């Protein structure tokens, strides 16, 4: 009985010692999008003449990262009424029923299903894009990522550039294809501040 008690005490002491010396695991961190530095852009070929580039001016959302566990989640809401082509007439045209139909669908969303890491860096974000009431799987390729204290806000922050390509006809917005390209590239520049 004394041997059993001594063994139990030794095991308890070893457990306490290991817990005290083990490195603390990083907890998931949540970042809120900075709407003044987060802009989804989209580009497409116009009649074979040029590549047109437009953007959305209002985007909200959150990003969760656990870099120790190499997991994350991205949840983004784009106000499609904030589309900015650089020309008010085209803004109205793109918000019409043939394209974004913002009267019925004032937002587009992206919700991740998986964040893929290489080493300490996220390199892909798999998820679902919902636009004009249609949900399609997309993969964002992350071309740059930075995590560091924000020099002006004095808070932890992250930033990234990512892109994907979609077929607009898959979202019931294919009018004038293929003269105006069905293929649309979406680029997003993201900055987010830790909660």
C-alpha atoms as a PDB file:
ATOM      1  CA  UNK A   1       0.000   0.000   0.000  1.00  0.00           C
ATOM      2  CA  UNK A   2       2.875   2.379   0.860  1.00  0.00           C
ATOM      3  CA  UNK A   3       4.463   1.647  -2.553  1.00  0.00           C
ATOM      4  CA  UNK A   4       1.171   2.439  -4.307  1.00  0.00           C
ATOM      5  CA  UNK A   5       0.813   5.731  -2.393  1.00  0.00           C
ATOM      6  CA  UNK A   6       4.412   6.693  -3.170  1.00  0.00           C
ATOM      7  CA  UNK A   7       3.886   5.860  -6.862  1.00  0.00           C
ATOM      8  CA  UNK A   8       0.682   7.950  -6.979  1.00  0.00           C
ATOM      9  CA  UNK A   9       2.487  10.884  -5.348  1.00  0.00           C
ATOM     10  CA  UNK A  10       5.378  10.608  -7.814  1.00  0.00           C
ATOM     11  CA  UNK A  11       2.971  10.533 -10.783  1.00  0.00           C
ATOM     12  CA  UNK A  12       1.079  13.548  -9.456  1.00  0.00           C
ATOM     13  CA  UNK A  13       4.339  15.472  -8.981  1.00  0.00           C
ATOM     14  CA  UNK A  14       5.523  14.559 -12.470  1.00  0.00           C
ATOM     15  CA  UNK A  15       2.210  15.726 -13.961  1.00  0.00           C
ATOM     16  CA  UNK A  16       2.403  19.077 -12.158  1.00  0.00           C
ATOM     17  CA  UNK A  17       6.053  19.530 -13.212  1.00  0.00           C
ATOM     18  CA  UNK A  18       5.285  18.737 -16.880  1.00  0.00           C
ATOM     19  CA  UNK A  19       2.309  21.123 -16.881  1.00  0.00           C
ATOM     20  CA  UNK A  20       4.460  23.888 -15.422  1.00  0.00           C
ATOM     21  CA  UNK A  21       7.276  23.436 -17.956  1.00  0.00           C
ATOM     22  CA  UNK A  22       5.165  22.692 -21.068  1.00  0.00           C
ATOM     23  CA  UNK A  23       4.896  25.577 -23.537  1.00  0.00           C
ATOM     24  CA  UNK A  24       1.507  27.275 -23.563  1.00  0.00           C
ATOM     25  CA  UNK A  25      -0.507  26.453 -26.666  1.00  0.00           C
ATOM     26  CA  UNK A  26      -1.629  29.437 -28.710  1.00  0.00           C
ATOM     27  CA  UNK A  27      -5.337  30.036 -28.516  1.00  0.00           C
ATOM     28  CA  UNK A  28      -7.417  30.895 -31.554  1.00  0.00           C
ATOM     29  CA  UNK A  29      -7.314  34.626 -32.226  1.00  0.00           C
ATOM     30  CA  UNK A  30     -10.172  36.589 -33.787  1.00  0.00           C
ATOM     31  CA  UNK A  31      -9.599  39.601 -36.019  1.00  0.00           C
ATOM     32  CA  UNK A  32     -12.217  42.099 -37.218  1.00  0.00           C
ATOM     33  CA  UNK A  33     -11.933  43.332 -40.804  1.00  0.00           C
ATOM     34  CA  UNK A  34     -10.754  46.904 -41.238  1.00  0.00           C
ATOM     35  CA  UNK A  35     -13.288  48.258 -43.735  1.00  0.00           C
ATOM     36  CA  UNK A  36     -10.984  51.115 -44.698  1.00  0.00           C
ATOM     37  CA  UNK A  37      -8.328  48.686 -45.942  1.00  0.00           C
ATOM     38  CA  UNK A  38     -10.378  45.691 -47.124  1.00  0.00           C
ATOM     39  CA  UNK A  39     -11.550  45.844 -50.718  1.00  0.00           C
ATOM     40  CA  UNK A  40     -12.765  42.953 -52.894  1.00  0.00           C
ATOM     41  CA  UNK A  41     -12.057  43.729 -56.551  1.00  0.00           C
ATOM     42  CA  UNK A  42     -13.273  41.971 -59.667  1.00  0.00           C
ATOM     43  CA  UNK A  43     -11.924  42.042 -63.214  1.00  0.00           C
ATOM     44  CA  UNK A  44     -13.186  40.749 -66.539  1.00  0.00           C
ATOM     45  CA  UNK A  45     -12.475  41.114 -70.242  1.00  0.00           C
ATOM     46  CA  UNK A  46     -14.663  43.694 -71.972  1.00  0.00           C
ATOM     47  CA  UNK A  47     -15.410  42.824 -75.615  1.00  0.00           C
ATOM     48  CA  UNK A  48     -11.807  41.764 -76.164  1.00  0.00           C
ATOM     49  CA  UNK A  49     -10.646  45.369 -75.801  1.00  0.00           C
ATOM     50  CA  UNK A  50      -9.483  45.569 -72.200  1.00  0.00           C
ATOM     51  CA  UNK A  51      -9.595  44.129 -68.708  1.00  0.00           C
ATOM     52  CA  UNK A  52     -12.003  46.150 -66.602  1.00  0.00           C
ATOM     53  CA  UNK A  53     -11.354  46.431 -62.857  1.00  0.00           C
ATOM     54  CA  UNK A  54     -14.013  47.369 -60.283  1.00  0.00           C
ATOM     55  CA  UNK A  55     -14.382  47.000 -56.537  1.00  0.00           C
ATOM     56  CA  UNK A  56     -16.782  46.944 -53.607  1.00  0.00           C
ATOM     57  CA  UNK A  57     -16.347  49.744 -51.077  1.00  0.00           C
ATOM     58  CA  UNK A  58     -18.085  48.200 -48.046  1.00  0.00           C
ATOM     59  CA  UNK A  59     -16.974  44.877 -46.574  1.00  0.00           C
ATOM     60  CA  UNK A  60     -17.337  43.495 -43.048  1.00  0.00           C
ATOM     61  CA  UNK A  61     -16.403  40.253 -41.341  1.00  0.00           C
ATOM     62  CA  UNK A  62     -14.073  38.322 -39.084  1.00  0.00           C
ATOM     63  CA  UNK A  63     -11.076  36.047 -39.426  1.00  0.00           C
ATOM     64  CA  UNK A  64     -10.117  33.462 -36.812  1.00  0.00           C
ATOM     65  CA  UNK A  65      -6.621  32.016 -36.810  1.00  0.00           C
ATOM     66  CA  UNK A  66      -4.908  29.451 -34.638  1.00  0.00           C
ATOM     67  CA  UNK A  67      -1.396  29.384 -36.041  1.00  0.00           C
ATOM     68  CA  UNK A  68      -0.236  26.753 -33.550  1.00  0.00           C
ATOM     69  CA  UNK A  69      -2.969  24.322 -34.634  1.00  0.00           C
ATOM     70  CA  UNK A  70      -2.771  25.566 -38.237  1.00  0.00           C
ATOM     71  CA  UNK A  71      -6.507  26.161 -38.472  1.00  0.00           C
ATOM     72  CA  UNK A  72      -8.678  29.140 -39.191  1.00  0.00           C
ATOM     73  CA  UNK A  73     -12.008  30.475 -40.363  1.00  0.00           C
ATOM     74  CA  UNK A  74     -13.001  33.366 -42.593  1.00  0.00           C
ATOM     75  CA  UNK A  75     -16.451  34.979 -42.653  1.00  0.00           C
ATOM     76  CA  UNK A  76     -16.891  37.933 -45.021  1.00  0.00           C
ATOM     77  CA  UNK A  77     -19.968  39.981 -46.006  1.00  0.00           C
ATOM     78  CA  UNK A  78     -19.762  42.273 -49.052  1.00  0.00           C
ATOM     79  CA  UNK A  79     -22.317  45.038 -49.549  1.00  0.00           C
ATOM     80  CA  UNK A  80     -22.960  44.582 -53.283  1.00  0.00           C
ATOM     81  CA  UNK A  81     -24.710  47.976 -53.415  1.00  0.00           C
ATOM     82  CA  UNK A  82     -21.269  49.508 -52.797  1.00  0.00           C
ATOM     83  CA  UNK A  83     -19.996  48.393 -56.217  1.00  0.00           C
ATOM     84  CA  UNK A  84     -17.662  50.987 -57.685  1.00  0.00           C
ATOM     85  CA  UNK A  85     -16.800  50.809 -61.387  1.00  0.00           C
ATOM     86  CA  UNK A  86     -15.605  54.401 -61.488  1.00  0.00           C
ATOM     87  CA  UNK A  87     -18.706  55.435 -63.452  1.00  0.00           C
ATOM     88  CA  UNK A  88     -22.125  55.886 -61.793  1.00  0.00           C
ATOM     89  CA  UNK A  89     -24.086  54.693 -64.849  1.00  0.00           C
ATOM     90  CA  UNK A  90     -22.164  51.393 -64.854  1.00  0.00           C
ATOM     91  CA  UNK A  91     -22.613  51.069 -61.083  1.00  0.00           C
ATOM     92  CA  UNK A  92     -26.381  51.177 -61.610  1.00  0.00           C
ATOM     93  CA  UNK A  93     -26.128  48.797 -64.583  1.00  0.00           C
ATOM     94  CA  UNK A  94     -24.172  46.174 -62.616  1.00  0.00           C
ATOM     95  CA  UNK A  95     -26.636  46.427 -59.713  1.00  0.00           C
ATOM     96  CA  UNK A  96     -29.509  45.543 -62.061  1.00  0.00           C
ATOM     97  CA  UNK A  97     -31.327  42.209 -62.364  1.00  0.00           C
ATOM     98  CA  UNK A  98     -29.058  40.900 -65.143  1.00  0.00           C
ATOM     99  CA  UNK A  99     -25.990  41.085 -62.933  1.00  0.00           C
ATOM    100  CA  UNK A 100     -25.880  41.562 -59.128  1.00  0.00           C
ATOM    101  CA  UNK A 101     -29.610  42.267 -58.617  1.00  0.00           C
ATOM    102  CA  UNK A 102     -28.845  44.220 -55.457  1.00  0.00           C
ATOM    103  CA  UNK A 103     -32.527  45.057 -54.874  1.00  0.00           C
ATOM    104  CA  UNK A 104     -33.097  41.382 -53.999  1.00  0.00           C
ATOM    105  CA  UNK A 105     -29.579  40.390 -52.980  1.00  0.00           C
ATOM    106  CA  UNK A 106     -27.859  43.337 -51.265  1.00  0.00           C
ATOM    107  CA  UNK A 107     -24.978  41.232 -49.946  1.00  0.00           C
ATOM    108  CA  UNK A 108     -22.576  38.536 -51.067  1.00  0.00           C
ATOM    109  CA  UNK A 109     -20.904  36.276 -48.519  1.00  0.00           C
ATOM    110  CA  UNK A 110     -17.856  34.059 -48.269  1.00  0.00           C
ATOM    111  CA  UNK A 111     -17.686  31.468 -45.496  1.00  0.00           C
ATOM    112  CA  UNK A 112     -14.643  29.258 -45.251  1.00  0.00           C
ATOM    113  CA  UNK A 113     -14.700  25.524 -44.732  1.00  0.00           C
ATOM    114  CA  UNK A 114     -10.924  25.070 -44.423  1.00  0.00           C
ATOM    115  CA  UNK A 115      -7.765  27.174 -44.179  1.00  0.00           C
ATOM    116  CA  UNK A 116      -4.702  25.418 -45.618  1.00  0.00           C
ATOM    117  CA  UNK A 117      -1.285  26.246 -44.138  1.00  0.00           C
ATOM    118  CA  UNK A 118       2.249  25.719 -45.417  1.00  0.00           C
ATOM    119  CA  UNK A 119       4.507  26.094 -42.417  1.00  0.00           C
ATOM    120  CA  UNK A 120       3.252  29.090 -40.439  1.00  0.00           C
ATOM    121  CA  UNK A 121       1.514  30.757 -43.384  1.00  0.00           C
ATOM    122  CA  UNK A 122      -2.031  30.279 -44.688  1.00  0.00           C
ATOM    123  CA  UNK A 123      -1.806  29.642 -48.450  1.00  0.00           C
ATOM    124  CA  UNK A 124      -5.369  28.689 -49.393  1.00  0.00           C
ATOM    125  CA  UNK A 125      -8.846  29.273 -48.051  1.00  0.00           C
ATOM    126  CA  UNK A 126     -11.527  26.866 -49.201  1.00  0.00           C
ATOM    127  CA  UNK A 127     -15.144  27.837 -48.748  1.00  0.00           C
ATOM    128  CA  UNK A 128     -18.468  28.869 -50.230  1.00  0.00           C
ATOM    129  CA  UNK A 129     -19.251  32.075 -52.080  1.00  0.00           C
ATOM    130  CA  UNK A 130     -22.909  33.103 -52.092  1.00  0.00           C
ATOM    131  CA  UNK A 131     -23.829  35.674 -54.714  1.00  0.00           C
ATOM    132  CA  UNK A 132     -27.275  36.501 -56.070  1.00  0.00           C
ATOM    133  CA  UNK A 133     -28.778  33.694 -53.959  1.00  0.00           C
ATOM    134  CA  UNK A 134     -26.475  31.036 -55.448  1.00  0.00           C
ATOM    135  CA  UNK A 135     -23.793  29.269 -53.397  1.00  0.00           C
ATOM    136  CA  UNK A 136     -20.727  27.803 -55.118  1.00  0.00           C
ATOM    137  CA  UNK A 137     -17.487  26.359 -53.701  1.00  0.00           C
ATOM    138  CA  UNK A 138     -14.397  28.479 -54.336  1.00  0.00           C
ATOM    139  CA  UNK A 139     -10.776  28.383 -53.254  1.00  0.00           C
ATOM    140  CA  UNK A 140      -8.930  31.600 -52.508  1.00  0.00           C
ATOM    141  CA  UNK A 141      -5.201  31.454 -53.181  1.00  0.00           C
ATOM    142  CA  UNK A 142      -3.320  33.540 -50.620  1.00  0.00           C
ATOM    143  CA  UNK A 143      -0.371  35.278 -52.266  1.00  0.00           C
ATOM    144  CA  UNK A 144       0.839  37.238 -49.245  1.00  0.00           C
ATOM    145  CA  UNK A 145       0.211  37.143 -45.497  1.00  0.00           C
ATOM    146  CA  UNK A 146       1.503  39.283 -42.650  1.00  0.00           C
ATOM    147  CA  UNK A 147       0.869  39.109 -38.901  1.00  0.00           C
ATOM    148  CA  UNK A 148       2.422  41.776 -36.686  1.00  0.00           C
ATOM    149  CA  UNK A 149       1.545  44.601 -34.305  1.00  0.00           C
ATOM    150  CA  UNK A 150      -0.097  47.495 -36.152  1.00  0.00           C
ATOM    151  CA  UNK A 151       2.377  50.410 -35.956  1.00  0.00           C
ATOM    152  CA  UNK A 152      -0.332  53.062 -35.520  1.00  0.00           C
ATOM    153  CA  UNK A 153      -3.117  51.221 -33.687  1.00  0.00           C
ATOM    154  CA  UNK A 154      -0.724  49.411 -31.318  1.00  0.00           C
ATOM    155  CA  UNK A 155      -2.777  46.220 -31.637  1.00  0.00           C
ATOM    156  CA  UNK A 156      -2.048  42.875 -33.270  1.00  0.00           C
ATOM    157  CA  UNK A 157      -3.147  42.851 -36.896  1.00  0.00           C
ATOM    158  CA  UNK A 158      -3.078  40.646 -39.966  1.00  0.00           C
ATOM    159  CA  UNK A 159      -3.155  41.373 -43.671  1.00  0.00           C
ATOM    160  CA  UNK A 160      -3.381  39.288 -46.807  1.00  0.00           C
ATOM    161  CA  UNK A 161      -3.892  39.340 -50.552  1.00  0.00           C
ATOM    162  CA  UNK A 162      -5.883  36.513 -52.113  1.00  0.00           C
ATOM    163  CA  UNK A 163      -7.639  35.699 -55.372  1.00  0.00           C
ATOM    164  CA  UNK A 164      -9.914  33.237 -57.122  1.00  0.00           C
ATOM    165  CA  UNK A 165     -11.640  32.885 -60.503  1.00  0.00           C
ATOM    166  CA  UNK A 166     -15.371  32.239 -60.959  1.00  0.00           C
ATOM    167  CA  UNK A 167     -17.790  31.898 -63.847  1.00  0.00           C
ATOM    168  CA  UNK A 168     -20.429  34.596 -63.456  1.00  0.00           C
ATOM    169  CA  UNK A 169     -22.985  32.459 -65.293  1.00  0.00           C
ATOM    170  CA  UNK A 170     -22.776  30.019 -62.349  1.00  0.00           C
ATOM    171  CA  UNK A 171     -24.281  32.811 -60.233  1.00  0.00           C
ATOM    172  CA  UNK A 172     -27.108  33.705 -62.663  1.00  0.00           C
ATOM    173  CA  UNK A 173     -25.201  36.775 -63.850  1.00  0.00           C
ATOM    174  CA  UNK A 174     -23.988  35.666 -67.288  1.00  0.00           C
ATOM    175  CA  UNK A 175     -25.597  38.263 -69.563  1.00  0.00           C
ATOM    176  CA  UNK A 176     -23.508  39.214 -72.636  1.00  0.00           C
ATOM    177  CA  UNK A 177     -21.152  36.242 -72.206  1.00  0.00           C
ATOM    178  CA  UNK A 178     -18.912  35.375 -73.955  1.00  0.00           C
ATOM    179  CA  UNK A 179     -18.509  38.877 -75.475  1.00  0.00           C
ATOM    180  CA  UNK A 180     -18.085  40.200 -71.964  1.00  0.00           C
ATOM    181  CA  UNK A 181     -16.115  37.375 -70.395  1.00  0.00           C
ATOM    182  CA  UNK A 182     -17.929  34.816 -68.292  1.00  0.00           C
ATOM    183  CA  UNK A 183     -14.698  34.314 -66.346  1.00  0.00           C
ATOM    184  CA  UNK A 184     -14.258  36.848 -63.564  1.00  0.00           C
ATOM    185  CA  UNK A 185     -11.197  37.132 -61.359  1.00  0.00           C
ATOM    186  CA  UNK A 186     -11.861  38.200 -57.774  1.00  0.00           C
ATOM    187  CA  UNK A 187      -8.993  39.685 -55.785  1.00  0.00           C
ATOM    188  CA  UNK A 188      -9.321  40.694 -52.161  1.00  0.00           C
ATOM    189  CA  UNK A 189      -6.971  42.808 -50.098  1.00  0.00           C
ATOM    190  CA  UNK A 190      -7.683  42.225 -46.407  1.00  0.00           C
ATOM    191  CA  UNK A 191      -6.541  43.905 -43.227  1.00  0.00           C
ATOM    192  CA  UNK A 192      -7.976  42.953 -39.847  1.00  0.00           C
ATOM    193  CA  UNK A 193      -7.388  44.020 -36.250  1.00  0.00           C
ATOM    194  CA  UNK A 194      -7.368  41.636 -33.294  1.00  0.00           C
ATOM    195  CA  UNK A 195     -10.481  41.818 -31.114  1.00  0.00           C
END
